[in-house]
Amino acid sequence: MEKIYSEWLPQANYELIDDYAIELYTEGNNQSNDYQSEVWIPVRAK
């Protein structure tokens, strides 16, 4: 999650808006290489 805010967002053509972020963690071993999760952050085009 930290990389989204510190690396991706500053160079993206989007800016953060004041709303909720959603993190979805599926069942399974989160240490596994094929584990998947989702992060939804509220953004708008610059």
C-alpha atoms as a PDB file:
ATOM      1  CA  MET A   1       0.000   0.000   0.000  1.00  0.00           C
ATOM      2  CA  GLU A   2       2.859   2.365   0.809  1.00  0.00           C
ATOM      3  CA  LYS A   3       4.257   2.024  -2.748  1.00  0.00           C
ATOM      4  CA  ILE A   4       0.956   3.183  -4.217  1.00  0.00           C
ATOM      5  CA  TYR A   5       1.127   6.464  -2.314  1.00  0.00           C
ATOM      6  CA  SER A   6       4.897   7.025  -2.381  1.00  0.00           C
ATOM      7  CA  GLU A   7       5.808   5.771  -5.877  1.00  0.00           C
ATOM      8  CA  TRP A   8       2.820   5.334  -8.199  1.00  0.00           C
ATOM      9  CA  LEU A   9       0.564   8.251  -7.253  1.00  0.00           C
ATOM     10  CA  PRO A  10       3.190  11.049  -7.483  1.00  0.00           C
ATOM     11  CA  GLN A  11       4.052  10.137 -11.086  1.00  0.00           C
ATOM     12  CA  ALA A  12       0.544   9.158 -12.233  1.00  0.00           C
ATOM     13  CA  ASN A  13      -1.904  11.421 -14.021  1.00  0.00           C
ATOM     14  CA  TYR A  14      -4.245  11.106 -11.058  1.00  0.00           C
ATOM     15  CA  GLU A  15      -4.640  12.823  -7.732  1.00  0.00           C
ATOM     16  CA  LEU A  16      -6.058  11.491  -4.496  1.00  0.00           C
ATOM     17  CA  ILE A  17      -9.515  12.679  -3.483  1.00  0.00           C
ATOM     18  CA  ASP A  18     -11.002  12.734   0.004  1.00  0.00           C
ATOM     19  CA  ASP A  19     -12.946   9.486   0.178  1.00  0.00           C
ATOM     20  CA  TYR A  20     -12.561   5.945   1.461  1.00  0.00           C
ATOM     21  CA  ALA A  21      -9.884   3.524   0.247  1.00  0.00           C
ATOM     22  CA  ILE A  22     -10.880  -0.130   0.058  1.00  0.00           C
ATOM     23  CA  GLU A  23      -8.566  -3.091   0.629  1.00  0.00           C
ATOM     24  CA  LEU A  24      -9.829  -6.561  -0.305  1.00  0.00           C
ATOM     25  CA  TYR A  25      -7.960  -9.558   1.055  1.00  0.00           C
ATOM     26  CA  THR A  26      -9.071 -12.935  -0.237  1.00  0.00           C
ATOM     27  CA  GLU A  27      -8.829 -16.203   1.633  1.00  0.00           C
ATOM     28  CA  GLY A  28      -5.573 -18.081   1.319  1.00  0.00           C
ATOM     29  CA  ASN A  29      -1.936 -17.804   2.233  1.00  0.00           C
ATOM     30  CA  ASN A  30      -0.947 -14.171   1.793  1.00  0.00           C
ATOM     31  CA  GLN A  31       2.722 -15.212   1.756  1.00  0.00           C
ATOM     32  CA  SER A  32       2.186 -17.342  -1.374  1.00  0.00           C
ATOM     33  CA  ASN A  33       3.530 -16.056  -4.715  1.00  0.00           C
ATOM     34  CA  ASP A  34       0.114 -16.503  -6.344  1.00  0.00           C
ATOM     35  CA  TYR A  35      -1.904 -14.782  -3.606  1.00  0.00           C
ATOM     36  CA  GLN A  36      -4.074 -11.937  -4.902  1.00  0.00           C
ATOM     37  CA  SER A  37      -5.589  -8.930  -3.182  1.00  0.00           C
ATOM     38  CA  GLU A  38      -7.076  -5.642  -4.391  1.00  0.00           C
ATOM     39  CA  VAL A  39      -6.635  -2.044  -3.311  1.00  0.00           C
ATOM     40  CA  TRP A  40      -9.067   0.601  -4.527  1.00  0.00           C
ATOM     41  CA  ILE A  41      -8.077   4.192  -3.879  1.00  0.00           C
ATOM     42  CA  PRO A  42     -10.243   7.221  -4.672  1.00  0.00           C
ATOM     43  CA  VAL A  43      -8.581   9.252  -7.423  1.00  0.00           C
ATOM     44  CA  ARG A  44      -9.483  11.623 -10.224  1.00  0.00           C
ATOM     45  CA  ALA A  45      -7.650  12.713 -13.347  1.00  0.00           C
ATOM     46  CA  LYS A  46      -5.390  15.728 -12.881  1.00  0.00           C
END
